[in-house]
Amino acid sequence: MGLKFGIIGCGLIGQKRAAALRPGQLLATCDLNLAQAQRLAASHPGATAVTDFRAVLDNPEINAVIVATINNALGPIALSAIMAGKHVLVEKPAAISVAEIDQLLSAAAKKQVVVRVGFNHRYHPALLKARELIDSGDLGPLMFLRARYGHGGRVGYDREWRADPKLSGGGELIDQGVHLIDLSRWFLGEFPVVQGHATTSYWDMPVDDNAFLSLRTAADQTAWLHVSCSEWKNLFSMEIYGRTGKLQIDGLGGSYGVEKLTYYKMLPEMGPPETTAWEYPRGDQSWKLELAAFADDVAQGRTPDAGLAAARAALVIVEAIYRQSQKS
């Protein structure tokens, strides 16, 4: 049996997830705003719109659920879906605490369902190509990476749900920061040494708008990260350094600029490197690729590479930085 989906949370991300589904796959849309659920259902013939997520979980035809709500509802709804025996794709950060993630891990093991977390950045073409080059050994042993990710907010941003710690679990660090942490782990591995701080530099809100991290592996590789919602011009930049070359990734498409990967290959005589660049102007296919990986996870009964364990590792780092910053 193929996957038949219900989507809980019909905002921007829920709409992106729905757009990645094949015709006939989406059976139900759910949002507290019924009109929003109805608008999404209308573009998917056969889908019904509801406001109570339990109606989605009670539908025996639905065997997979996408949870795309605000942060504080992600964990509880994902837990209910797991306990209902549904496979789950839950948006990052998957929960607002490590304790909530541990509940999900325990429940998923008990119910033997697949849970993937929405770390779609792993499926951007420049990052997939970077992974390929690193795995081929072209960069030699990796030494460190540095990355920046940020946006400029909008009028009233500090009064939206992301600015309320009870709803968001934190600020920019738990928002865009978990993407950078996840990508850093994907390339370098685990980080037993976590240092940094989160601060509120501009916005009038009780959560962080900037965070600065220095993460180190047991092999003394470093990830140096900065996330910001006072960036003003949307930015994504990641540089990955090996002993024989460097990769530079800029942009994510759209307002972040054309996605581009540049490979700087060290020459034996050193000096200016040999340079190769790839541009990816065709738009963001990461949602479809991630959904295909989720379908393969279910079909093969495999544990997702970007699953609850990855989300937990990211939140361990987030919580450590908040403790160091005396943020809650």
C-alpha atoms as a PDB file:
ATOM      1  CA  MET A   1       0.000   0.000   0.000  1.00  0.00           C
ATOM      2  CA  GLY A   2       1.311   3.445  -0.919  1.00  0.00           C
ATOM      3  CA  LEU A   3       1.368   6.359   1.449  1.00  0.00           C
ATOM      4  CA  LYS A   4      -1.858   8.277   1.968  1.00  0.00           C
ATOM      5  CA  PHE A   5      -1.349  11.522   3.834  1.00  0.00           C
ATOM      6  CA  GLY A   6      -3.011  13.894   6.208  1.00  0.00           C
ATOM      7  CA  ILE A   7      -1.432  17.309   6.731  1.00  0.00           C
ATOM      8  CA  ILE A   8      -1.823  18.985  10.124  1.00  0.00           C
ATOM      9  CA  GLY A   9      -0.951  22.652   9.850  1.00  0.00           C
ATOM     10  CA  CYS A  10      -1.809  24.342   6.551  1.00  0.00           C
ATOM     11  CA  GLY A  11       0.400  27.419   6.656  1.00  0.00           C
ATOM     12  CA  LEU A  12       3.307  28.104   4.305  1.00  0.00           C
ATOM     13  CA  ILE A  13       5.252  24.928   5.140  1.00  0.00           C
ATOM     14  CA  GLY A  14       2.161  22.725   5.048  1.00  0.00           C
ATOM     15  CA  GLN A  15       1.398  24.146   1.617  1.00  0.00           C
ATOM     16  CA  LYS A  16       4.937  23.396   0.414  1.00  0.00           C
ATOM     17  CA  ARG A  17       4.599  19.836   1.691  1.00  0.00           C
ATOM     18  CA  ALA A  18       1.245  19.411  -0.036  1.00  0.00           C
ATOM     19  CA  ALA A  19       2.686  20.664  -3.323  1.00  0.00           C
ATOM     20  CA  ALA A  20       5.254  17.849  -3.203  1.00  0.00           C
ATOM     21  CA  LEU A  21       2.576  15.124  -2.996  1.00  0.00           C
ATOM     22  CA  ARG A  22       1.300  13.192  -5.991  1.00  0.00           C
ATOM     23  CA  PRO A  23      -2.357  13.521  -7.058  1.00  0.00           C
ATOM     24  CA  GLY A  24      -4.570  11.452  -4.796  1.00  0.00           C
ATOM     25  CA  GLN A  25      -2.051  11.140  -1.965  1.00  0.00           C
ATOM     26  CA  LEU A  26      -3.533  13.862   0.250  1.00  0.00           C
ATOM     27  CA  LEU A  27      -6.740  12.742   1.956  1.00  0.00           C
ATOM     28  CA  ALA A  28      -7.146  15.334   4.713  1.00  0.00           C
ATOM     29  CA  THR A  29      -6.016  18.830   5.646  1.00  0.00           C
ATOM     30  CA  CYS A  30      -6.250  20.138   9.193  1.00  0.00           C
ATOM     31  CA  ASP A  31      -5.829  23.618  10.599  1.00  0.00           C
ATOM     32  CA  LEU A  32      -7.407  25.578  13.430  1.00  0.00           C
ATOM     33  CA  ASN A  33      -8.269  28.057  10.688  1.00  0.00           C
ATOM     34  CA  LEU A  34     -10.865  26.065   8.732  1.00  0.00           C
ATOM     35  CA  ALA A  35     -10.726  28.411   5.734  1.00  0.00           C
ATOM     36  CA  GLN A  36      -7.003  27.796   5.428  1.00  0.00           C
ATOM     37  CA  ALA A  37      -7.520  24.025   5.571  1.00  0.00           C
ATOM     38  CA  GLN A  38     -10.287  24.298   2.990  1.00  0.00           C
ATOM     39  CA  ARG A  39      -8.129  26.320   0.600  1.00  0.00           C
ATOM     40  CA  LEU A  40      -5.434  23.665   0.700  1.00  0.00           C
ATOM     41  CA  ALA A  41      -7.946  20.820   0.337  1.00  0.00           C
ATOM     42  CA  ALA A  42      -9.525  22.520  -2.660  1.00  0.00           C
ATOM     43  CA  SER A  43      -6.302  22.139  -4.649  1.00  0.00           C
ATOM     44  CA  HIS A  44      -6.187  18.403  -3.903  1.00  0.00           C
ATOM     45  CA  PRO A  45      -9.339  16.679  -5.208  1.00  0.00           C
ATOM     46  CA  GLY A  46     -10.692  14.175  -2.724  1.00  0.00           C
ATOM     47  CA  ALA A  47      -9.122  15.812   0.337  1.00  0.00           C
ATOM     48  CA  THR A  48     -11.369  16.850   3.219  1.00  0.00           C
ATOM     49  CA  ALA A  49     -10.737  19.801   5.534  1.00  0.00           C
ATOM     50  CA  VAL A  50     -11.068  19.596   9.331  1.00  0.00           C
ATOM     51  CA  THR A  51     -10.067  21.617  12.390  1.00  0.00           C
ATOM     52  CA  ASP A  52      -9.515  18.727  14.833  1.00  0.00           C
ATOM     53  CA  PHE A  53      -6.307  16.784  14.177  1.00  0.00           C
ATOM     54  CA  ARG A  54      -7.831  13.718  15.833  1.00  0.00           C
ATOM     55  CA  ALA A  55     -10.140  13.379  12.832  1.00  0.00           C
ATOM     56  CA  VAL A  56      -7.024  12.913  10.682  1.00  0.00           C
ATOM     57  CA  LEU A  57      -5.587  10.303  13.035  1.00  0.00           C
ATOM     58  CA  ASP A  58      -8.897   8.409  13.184  1.00  0.00           C
ATOM     59  CA  ASN A  59      -9.044   8.023   9.393  1.00  0.00           C
ATOM     60  CA  PRO A  60      -8.033   4.410   8.645  1.00  0.00           C
ATOM     61  CA  GLU A  61      -7.117   5.269   5.045  1.00  0.00           C
ATOM     62  CA  ILE A  62      -4.401   7.658   6.211  1.00  0.00           C
ATOM     63  CA  ASN A  63      -1.153   5.911   7.081  1.00  0.00           C
ATOM     64  CA  ALA A  64       1.203   8.910   7.095  1.00  0.00           C
ATOM     65  CA  VAL A  65       0.907  12.321   8.704  1.00  0.00           C
ATOM     66  CA  ILE A  66       2.797  15.545   8.020  1.00  0.00           C
ATOM     67  CA  VAL A  67       2.915  17.793  11.097  1.00  0.00           C
ATOM     68  CA  ALA A  68       3.609  21.413  10.129  1.00  0.00           C
ATOM     69  CA  THR A  69       2.255  23.403  13.062  1.00  0.00           C
ATOM     70  CA  ILE A  70       3.880  26.037  15.265  1.00  0.00           C
ATOM     71  CA  ASN A  71       6.701  24.660  17.395  1.00  0.00           C
ATOM     72  CA  ASN A  72       4.924  23.944  20.676  1.00  0.00           C
ATOM     73  CA  ALA A  73       2.321  21.742  18.929  1.00  0.00           C
ATOM     74  CA  LEU A  74       4.808  19.698  16.899  1.00  0.00           C
ATOM     75  CA  GLY A  75       5.776  17.270  19.660  1.00  0.00           C
ATOM     76  CA  PRO A  76       2.324  16.613  21.139  1.00  0.00           C
ATOM     77  CA  ILE A  77       0.648  16.120  17.755  1.00  0.00           C
ATOM     78  CA  ALA A  78       3.505  13.968  16.435  1.00  0.00           C
ATOM     79  CA  LEU A  79       3.238  11.856  19.600  1.00  0.00           C
ATOM     80  CA  SER A  80      -0.505  11.383  19.055  1.00  0.00           C
ATOM     81  CA  ALA A  81       0.118  10.414  15.430  1.00  0.00           C
ATOM     82  CA  ILE A  82       2.768   7.897  16.431  1.00  0.00           C
ATOM     83  CA  MET A  83       0.486   6.365  19.053  1.00  0.00           C
ATOM     84  CA  ALA A  84      -2.218   6.093  16.366  1.00  0.00           C
ATOM     85  CA  GLY A  85       0.207   3.956  14.348  1.00  0.00           C
ATOM     86  CA  LYS A  86       0.895   6.539  11.635  1.00  0.00           C
ATOM     87  CA  HIS A  87       4.234   7.195  10.002  1.00  0.00           C
ATOM     88  CA  VAL A  88       5.210  10.813  10.617  1.00  0.00           C
ATOM     89  CA  LEU A  89       7.096  13.578   8.870  1.00  0.00           C
ATOM     90  CA  VAL A  90       7.329  16.330  11.476  1.00  0.00           C
ATOM     91  CA  GLU A  91       8.828  19.720  10.741  1.00  0.00           C
ATOM     92  CA  LYS A  92      11.976  20.855  12.489  1.00  0.00           C
ATOM     93  CA  PRO A  93      12.695  21.278  15.359  1.00  0.00           C
ATOM     94  CA  ALA A  94      10.207  18.384  15.948  1.00  0.00           C
ATOM     95  CA  ALA A  95       9.658  19.524  19.560  1.00  0.00           C
ATOM     96  CA  ILE A  96      10.640  22.360  21.867  1.00  0.00           C
ATOM     97  CA  SER A  97      12.785  20.281  24.234  1.00  0.00           C
ATOM     98  CA  VAL A  98      14.991  17.225  24.394  1.00  0.00           C
ATOM     99  CA  ALA A  99      12.520  15.718  26.875  1.00  0.00           C
ATOM    100  CA  GLU A 100       9.748  15.900  24.259  1.00  0.00           C
ATOM    101  CA  ILE A 101      12.014  14.304  21.644  1.00  0.00           C
ATOM    102  CA  ASP A 102      12.743  11.459  24.055  1.00  0.00           C
ATOM    103  CA  GLN A 103       9.006  10.815  24.344  1.00  0.00           C
ATOM    104  CA  LEU A 104       8.759  10.610  20.564  1.00  0.00           C
ATOM    105  CA  LEU A 105      11.728   8.251  20.327  1.00  0.00           C
ATOM    106  CA  SER A 106      10.230   5.923  22.920  1.00  0.00           C
ATOM    107  CA  ALA A 107       6.799   5.941  21.277  1.00  0.00           C
ATOM    108  CA  ALA A 108       8.181   5.385  17.754  1.00  0.00           C
ATOM    109  CA  ALA A 109      10.159   2.364  18.934  1.00  0.00           C
ATOM    110  CA  LYS A 110       7.087   0.966  20.692  1.00  0.00           C
ATOM    111  CA  LYS A 111       4.733   1.460  17.746  1.00  0.00           C
ATOM    112  CA  GLN A 112       7.380   0.582  15.117  1.00  0.00           C
ATOM    113  CA  VAL A 113       6.599   3.521  12.871  1.00  0.00           C
ATOM    114  CA  VAL A 114       8.940   5.720  10.834  1.00  0.00           C
ATOM    115  CA  VAL A 115       9.483   9.309  11.971  1.00  0.00           C
ATOM    116  CA  ARG A 116      11.426  11.692   9.750  1.00  0.00           C
ATOM    117  CA  VAL A 117      12.172  15.296  10.725  1.00  0.00           C
ATOM    118  CA  GLY A 118      11.932  18.107   8.175  1.00  0.00           C
ATOM    119  CA  PHE A 119      15.575  18.970   7.667  1.00  0.00           C
ATOM    120  CA  ASN A 120      14.957  19.719   4.003  1.00  0.00           C
ATOM    121  CA  HIS A 121      18.180  21.706   3.614  1.00  0.00           C
ATOM    122  CA  ARG A 122      20.028  18.401   3.279  1.00  0.00           C
ATOM    123  CA  TYR A 123      18.217  17.988  -0.042  1.00  0.00           C
ATOM    124  CA  HIS A 124      19.178  21.289  -1.639  1.00  0.00           C
ATOM    125  CA  PRO A 125      21.253  20.563  -4.766  1.00  0.00           C
ATOM    126  CA  ALA A 126      24.365  22.464  -3.698  1.00  0.00           C
ATOM    127  CA  LEU A 127      24.426  20.641  -0.367  1.00  0.00           C
ATOM    128  CA  LEU A 128      23.854  17.262  -2.027  1.00  0.00           C
ATOM    129  CA  LYS A 129      26.737  17.993  -4.421  1.00  0.00           C
ATOM    130  CA  ALA A 130      28.897  19.054  -1.475  1.00  0.00           C
ATOM    131  CA  ARG A 131      28.118  15.765   0.256  1.00  0.00           C
ATOM    132  CA  GLU A 132      29.096  13.899  -2.922  1.00  0.00           C
ATOM    133  CA  LEU A 133      32.427  15.710  -3.223  1.00  0.00           C
ATOM    134  CA  ILE A 134      33.257  15.164   0.436  1.00  0.00           C
ATOM    135  CA  ASP A 135      32.368  11.470   0.257  1.00  0.00           C
ATOM    136  CA  SER A 136      34.580  11.078  -2.831  1.00  0.00           C
ATOM    137  CA  GLY A 137      37.559  12.247  -0.796  1.00  0.00           C
ATOM    138  CA  ASP A 138      38.237  15.238  -3.049  1.00  0.00           C
ATOM    139  CA  LEU A 139      38.637  17.587  -0.080  1.00  0.00           C
ATOM    140  CA  GLY A 140      40.769  15.221   1.940  1.00  0.00           C
ATOM    141  CA  PRO A 141      40.156  15.060   5.702  1.00  0.00           C
ATOM    142  CA  LEU A 142      37.819  17.843   6.801  1.00  0.00           C
ATOM    143  CA  MET A 143      39.195  20.481   9.160  1.00  0.00           C
ATOM    144  CA  PHE A 144      36.422  22.976   9.903  1.00  0.00           C
ATOM    145  CA  LEU A 145      33.404  24.788   8.520  1.00  0.00           C
ATOM    146  CA  ARG A 146      31.837  28.167   9.019  1.00  0.00           C
ATOM    147  CA  ALA A 147      28.309  29.133   8.189  1.00  0.00           C
ATOM    148  CA  ARG A 148      25.898  32.046   8.406  1.00  0.00           C
ATOM    149  CA  TYR A 149      22.138  31.975   8.003  1.00  0.00           C
ATOM    150  CA  GLY A 150      19.782  34.857   8.500  1.00  0.00           C
ATOM    151  CA  HIS A 151      16.882  37.027   7.473  1.00  0.00           C
ATOM    152  CA  GLY A 152      15.656  40.487   8.357  1.00  0.00           C
ATOM    153  CA  GLY A 153      12.256  39.779   9.820  1.00  0.00           C
ATOM    154  CA  ARG A 154       9.345  42.074   8.936  1.00  0.00           C
ATOM    155  CA  VAL A 155       7.245  44.758  10.580  1.00  0.00           C
ATOM    156  CA  GLY A 156       5.614  43.189  13.644  1.00  0.00           C
ATOM    157  CA  TYR A 157       7.957  40.167  13.676  1.00  0.00           C
ATOM    158  CA  ASP A 158       8.540  40.638  17.404  1.00  0.00           C
ATOM    159  CA  ARG A 159       4.812  40.168  18.054  1.00  0.00           C
ATOM    160  CA  GLU A 160       4.403  36.944  16.061  1.00  0.00           C
ATOM    161  CA  TRP A 161       4.312  33.455  17.602  1.00  0.00           C
ATOM    162  CA  ARG A 162       8.048  32.975  17.048  1.00  0.00           C
ATOM    163  CA  ALA A 163       8.660  35.756  19.563  1.00  0.00           C
ATOM    164  CA  ASP A 164       6.707  33.967  22.320  1.00  0.00           C
ATOM    165  CA  PRO A 165       8.954  31.384  24.042  1.00  0.00           C
ATOM    166  CA  LYS A 166       5.936  29.352  25.173  1.00  0.00           C
ATOM    167  CA  LEU A 167       4.970  28.835  21.534  1.00  0.00           C
ATOM    168  CA  SER A 168       8.379  28.750  19.865  1.00  0.00           C
ATOM    169  CA  GLY A 169      10.698  27.242  22.472  1.00  0.00           C
ATOM    170  CA  GLY A 170      13.229  29.957  21.694  1.00  0.00           C
ATOM    171  CA  GLY A 171      14.241  32.403  19.018  1.00  0.00           C
ATOM    172  CA  GLU A 172      16.493  32.396  15.974  1.00  0.00           C
ATOM    173  CA  LEU A 173      18.646  29.572  17.326  1.00  0.00           C
ATOM    174  CA  ILE A 174      15.799  27.054  17.495  1.00  0.00           C
ATOM    175  CA  ASP A 175      14.395  28.391  14.210  1.00  0.00           C
ATOM    176  CA  GLN A 176      17.058  28.675  11.499  1.00  0.00           C
ATOM    177  CA  GLY A 177      19.823  27.605  13.859  1.00  0.00           C
ATOM    178  CA  VAL A 178      18.776  23.966  13.961  1.00  0.00           C
ATOM    179  CA  HIS A 179      19.277  23.769  10.185  1.00  0.00           C
ATOM    180  CA  LEU A 180      22.891  24.918  10.498  1.00  0.00           C
ATOM    181  CA  ILE A 181      23.508  22.587  13.431  1.00  0.00           C
ATOM    182  CA  ASP A 182      22.036  19.654  11.524  1.00  0.00           C
ATOM    183  CA  LEU A 183      24.100  20.369   8.397  1.00  0.00           C
ATOM    184  CA  SER A 184      27.250  20.762  10.506  1.00  0.00           C
ATOM    185  CA  ARG A 185      26.628  17.371  12.130  1.00  0.00           C
ATOM    186  CA  TRP A 186      25.929  15.867   8.701  1.00  0.00           C
ATOM    187  CA  PHE A 187      29.357  16.962   7.483  1.00  0.00           C
ATOM    188  CA  LEU A 188      31.543  16.776  10.598  1.00  0.00           C
ATOM    189  CA  GLY A 189      29.819  14.408  13.042  1.00  0.00           C
ATOM    190  CA  GLU A 190      28.997  14.792  16.729  1.00  0.00           C
ATOM    191  CA  PHE A 191      29.973  17.825  18.786  1.00  0.00           C
ATOM    192  CA  PRO A 192      30.890  16.985  22.394  1.00  0.00           C
ATOM    193  CA  VAL A 193      32.172  20.543  22.922  1.00  0.00           C
ATOM    194  CA  VAL A 194      29.497  23.239  22.660  1.00  0.00           C
ATOM    195  CA  GLN A 195      30.270  26.900  23.277  1.00  0.00           C
ATOM    196  CA  GLY A 196      28.522  30.114  22.360  1.00  0.00           C
ATOM    197  CA  HIS A 197      25.733  32.431  23.281  1.00  0.00           C
ATOM    198  CA  ALA A 198      22.337  33.632  22.117  1.00  0.00           C
ATOM    199  CA  THR A 199      21.376  37.263  22.475  1.00  0.00           C
ATOM    200  CA  THR A 200      18.637  39.752  21.639  1.00  0.00           C
ATOM    201  CA  SER A 201      20.296  42.593  19.768  1.00  0.00           C
ATOM    202  CA  TYR A 202      17.493  44.354  17.912  1.00  0.00           C
ATOM    203  CA  TRP A 203      13.976  42.985  18.215  1.00  0.00           C
ATOM    204  CA  ASP A 204      11.766  43.807  21.209  1.00  0.00           C
ATOM    205  CA  MET A 205      11.097  40.224  22.234  1.00  0.00           C
ATOM    206  CA  PRO A 206      12.020  37.798  25.037  1.00  0.00           C
ATOM    207  CA  VAL A 207      13.742  35.336  22.677  1.00  0.00           C
ATOM    208  CA  ASP A 208      17.067  35.536  20.859  1.00  0.00           C
ATOM    209  CA  ASP A 209      17.480  37.238  17.508  1.00  0.00           C
ATOM    210  CA  ASN A 210      21.150  36.271  17.100  1.00  0.00           C
ATOM    211  CA  ALA A 211      23.193  33.259  18.155  1.00  0.00           C
ATOM    212  CA  PHE A 212      26.911  32.552  17.831  1.00  0.00           C
ATOM    213  CA  LEU A 213      28.208  28.985  18.164  1.00  0.00           C
ATOM    214  CA  SER A 214      31.567  27.255  18.279  1.00  0.00           C
ATOM    215  CA  LEU A 215      31.119  23.486  18.096  1.00  0.00           C
ATOM    216  CA  ARG A 216      33.973  20.970  18.203  1.00  0.00           C
ATOM    217  CA  THR A 217      34.201  17.273  17.413  1.00  0.00           C
ATOM    218  CA  ALA A 218      36.343  14.784  19.315  1.00  0.00           C
ATOM    219  CA  ALA A 219      38.854  15.126  16.441  1.00  0.00           C
ATOM    220  CA  ASP A 220      39.039  18.905  17.053  1.00  0.00           C
ATOM    221  CA  GLN A 221      37.128  19.831  13.908  1.00  0.00           C
ATOM    222  CA  THR A 222      35.198  23.051  14.402  1.00  0.00           C
ATOM    223  CA  ALA A 223      31.867  24.390  13.175  1.00  0.00           C
ATOM    224  CA  TRP A 224      31.653  28.150  13.604  1.00  0.00           C
ATOM    225  CA  LEU A 225      28.051  29.289  13.153  1.00  0.00           C
ATOM    226  CA  HIS A 226      26.065  32.526  13.248  1.00  0.00           C
ATOM    227  CA  VAL A 227      22.294  32.748  12.840  1.00  0.00           C
ATOM    228  CA  SER A 228      20.431  36.040  12.795  1.00  0.00           C
ATOM    229  CA  CYS A 229      17.041  37.613  12.232  1.00  0.00           C
ATOM    230  CA  SER A 230      18.644  41.058  12.069  1.00  0.00           C
ATOM    231  CA  GLU A 231      20.497  40.144   8.881  1.00  0.00           C
ATOM    232  CA  TRP A 232      18.383  42.612   6.813  1.00  0.00           C
ATOM    233  CA  LYS A 233      19.329  40.949   3.508  1.00  0.00           C
ATOM    234  CA  ASN A 234      18.451  37.243   3.529  1.00  0.00           C
ATOM    235  CA  LEU A 235      21.635  35.195   3.582  1.00  0.00           C
ATOM    236  CA  PHE A 236      22.799  31.587   3.469  1.00  0.00           C
ATOM    237  CA  SER A 237      26.529  30.927   3.347  1.00  0.00           C
ATOM    238  CA  MET A 238      28.480  27.790   4.251  1.00  0.00           C
ATOM    239  CA  GLU A 239      32.188  27.103   3.722  1.00  0.00           C
ATOM    240  CA  ILE A 240      33.642  23.636   4.281  1.00  0.00           C
ATOM    241  CA  TYR A 241      37.415  23.278   4.507  1.00  0.00           C
ATOM    242  CA  GLY A 242      39.398  20.117   3.870  1.00  0.00           C
ATOM    243  CA  ARG A 243      43.153  19.610   3.739  1.00  0.00           C
ATOM    244  CA  THR A 244      43.122  19.632  -0.081  1.00  0.00           C
ATOM    245  CA  GLY A 245      40.252  21.945  -0.941  1.00  0.00           C
ATOM    246  CA  LYS A 246      37.337  24.106   0.040  1.00  0.00           C
ATOM    247  CA  LEU A 247      33.620  24.173  -0.781  1.00  0.00           C
ATOM    248  CA  GLN A 248      31.559  27.338  -0.639  1.00  0.00           C
ATOM    249  CA  ILE A 249      27.753  27.269  -0.776  1.00  0.00           C
ATOM    250  CA  ASP A 250      25.848  30.508  -1.274  1.00  0.00           C
ATOM    251  CA  GLY A 251      22.105  31.078  -1.552  1.00  0.00           C
ATOM    252  CA  LEU A 252      19.089  28.823  -1.275  1.00  0.00           C
ATOM    253  CA  GLY A 253      17.088  30.248  -4.144  1.00  0.00           C
ATOM    254  CA  GLY A 254      14.324  32.837  -3.926  1.00  0.00           C
ATOM    255  CA  SER A 255      15.088  35.787  -1.669  1.00  0.00           C
ATOM    256  CA  TYR A 256      18.330  34.096  -0.568  1.00  0.00           C
ATOM    257  CA  GLY A 257      19.742  34.333  -4.081  1.00  0.00           C
ATOM    258  CA  VAL A 258      20.567  31.727  -6.703  1.00  0.00           C
ATOM    259  CA  GLU A 259      21.955  28.598  -5.092  1.00  0.00           C
ATOM    260  CA  LYS A 260      25.611  28.123  -5.982  1.00  0.00           C
ATOM    261  CA  LEU A 261      28.428  25.745  -5.069  1.00  0.00           C
ATOM    262  CA  THR A 262      32.072  26.641  -5.680  1.00  0.00           C
ATOM    263  CA  TYR A 263      34.872  24.080  -5.331  1.00  0.00           C
ATOM    264  CA  TYR A 264      38.367  25.437  -4.721  1.00  0.00           C
ATOM    265  CA  LYS A 265      40.892  22.646  -5.341  1.00  0.00           C
ATOM    266  CA  MET A 266      44.333  23.068  -3.810  1.00  0.00           C
ATOM    267  CA  LEU A 267      47.185  22.534  -6.292  1.00  0.00           C
ATOM    268  CA  PRO A 268      50.469  20.785  -5.379  1.00  0.00           C
ATOM    269  CA  GLU A 269      52.322  24.098  -5.775  1.00  0.00           C
ATOM    270  CA  MET A 270      49.578  25.825  -3.752  1.00  0.00           C
ATOM    271  CA  GLY A 271      48.884  29.421  -4.811  1.00  0.00           C
ATOM    272  CA  PRO A 272      45.533  30.255  -6.498  1.00  0.00           C
ATOM    273  CA  PRO A 273      43.313  27.147  -6.476  1.00  0.00           C
ATOM    274  CA  GLU A 274      41.659  25.452  -9.408  1.00  0.00           C
ATOM    275  CA  THR A 275      38.038  26.628  -9.280  1.00  0.00           C
ATOM    276  CA  THR A 276      34.847  24.910 -10.425  1.00  0.00           C
ATOM    277  CA  ALA A 277      31.380  26.348  -9.855  1.00  0.00           C
ATOM    278  CA  TRP A 278      27.849  25.008 -10.199  1.00  0.00           C
ATOM    279  CA  GLU A 279      24.682  27.104 -10.176  1.00  0.00           C
ATOM    280  CA  TYR A 280      21.189  25.746  -9.485  1.00  0.00           C
ATOM    281  CA  PRO A 281      18.604  28.242 -10.777  1.00  0.00           C
ATOM    282  CA  ARG A 282      15.744  25.781 -11.290  1.00  0.00           C
ATOM    283  CA  GLY A 283      14.082  26.283  -7.934  1.00  0.00           C
ATOM    284  CA  ASP A 284      13.822  24.352  -4.695  1.00  0.00           C
ATOM    285  CA  GLN A 285      13.220  20.619  -5.168  1.00  0.00           C
ATOM    286  CA  SER A 286      14.238  19.760  -1.597  1.00  0.00           C
ATOM    287  CA  TRP A 287      10.641  19.209  -0.462  1.00  0.00           C
ATOM    288  CA  LYS A 288      10.014  16.563  -3.126  1.00  0.00           C
ATOM    289  CA  LEU A 289      13.363  14.859  -2.555  1.00  0.00           C
ATOM    290  CA  GLU A 290      12.835  14.736   1.197  1.00  0.00           C
ATOM    291  CA  LEU A 291       9.343  13.332   0.742  1.00  0.00           C
ATOM    292  CA  ALA A 292      10.725  10.644  -1.585  1.00  0.00           C
ATOM    293  CA  ALA A 293      13.301   9.748   1.074  1.00  0.00           C
ATOM    294  CA  PHE A 294      10.491   9.466   3.625  1.00  0.00           C
ATOM    295  CA  ALA A 295       8.574   7.112   1.314  1.00  0.00           C
ATOM    296  CA  ASP A 296      11.722   5.004   0.921  1.00  0.00           C
ATOM    297  CA  ASP A 297      12.194   4.972   4.709  1.00  0.00           C
ATOM    298  CA  VAL A 298       8.707   3.531   5.109  1.00  0.00           C
ATOM    299  CA  ALA A 299       8.986   1.056   2.216  1.00  0.00           C
ATOM    300  CA  GLN A 300      12.337  -0.270   3.433  1.00  0.00           C
ATOM    301  CA  GLY A 301      11.548  -0.075   7.152  1.00  0.00           C
ATOM    302  CA  ARG A 302      14.710   1.936   7.700  1.00  0.00           C
ATOM    303  CA  THR A 303      15.521   4.563  10.301  1.00  0.00           C
ATOM    304  CA  PRO A 304      15.677   7.984   8.605  1.00  0.00           C
ATOM    305  CA  ASP A 305      19.103   9.585   8.435  1.00  0.00           C
ATOM    306  CA  ALA A 306      17.433  12.871   9.350  1.00  0.00           C
ATOM    307  CA  GLY A 307      15.151  11.500  12.024  1.00  0.00           C
ATOM    308  CA  LEU A 308      14.444  11.971  15.691  1.00  0.00           C
ATOM    309  CA  ALA A 309      18.043  11.219  16.681  1.00  0.00           C
ATOM    310  CA  ALA A 310      19.236  14.113  14.499  1.00  0.00           C
ATOM    311  CA  ALA A 311      16.575  16.416  15.937  1.00  0.00           C
ATOM    312  CA  ARG A 312      17.543  15.397  19.455  1.00  0.00           C
ATOM    313  CA  ALA A 313      21.229  16.100  18.810  1.00  0.00           C
ATOM    314  CA  ALA A 314      20.370  19.552  17.470  1.00  0.00           C
ATOM    315  CA  LEU A 315      18.185  20.366  20.477  1.00  0.00           C
ATOM    316  CA  VAL A 316      20.875  19.185  22.906  1.00  0.00           C
ATOM    317  CA  ILE A 317      23.097  21.891  21.413  1.00  0.00           C
ATOM    318  CA  VAL A 318      20.302  24.484  21.419  1.00  0.00           C
ATOM    319  CA  GLU A 319      19.558  23.831  25.083  1.00  0.00           C
ATOM    320  CA  ALA A 320      23.267  24.005  25.966  1.00  0.00           C
ATOM    321  CA  ILE A 321      23.604  27.411  24.280  1.00  0.00           C
ATOM    322  CA  TYR A 322      20.459  28.703  25.987  1.00  0.00           C
ATOM    323  CA  ARG A 323      21.791  27.542  29.351  1.00  0.00           C
ATOM    324  CA  GLN A 324      25.103  29.272  28.684  1.00  0.00           C
ATOM    325  CA  SER A 325      23.185  32.406  27.689  1.00  0.00           C
ATOM    326  CA  GLN A 326      20.757  32.126  30.621  1.00  0.00           C
ATOM    327  CA  LYS A 327      17.888  31.956  28.122  1.00  0.00           C
ATOM    328  CA  SER A 328      14.868  29.715  28.627  1.00  0.00           C
END
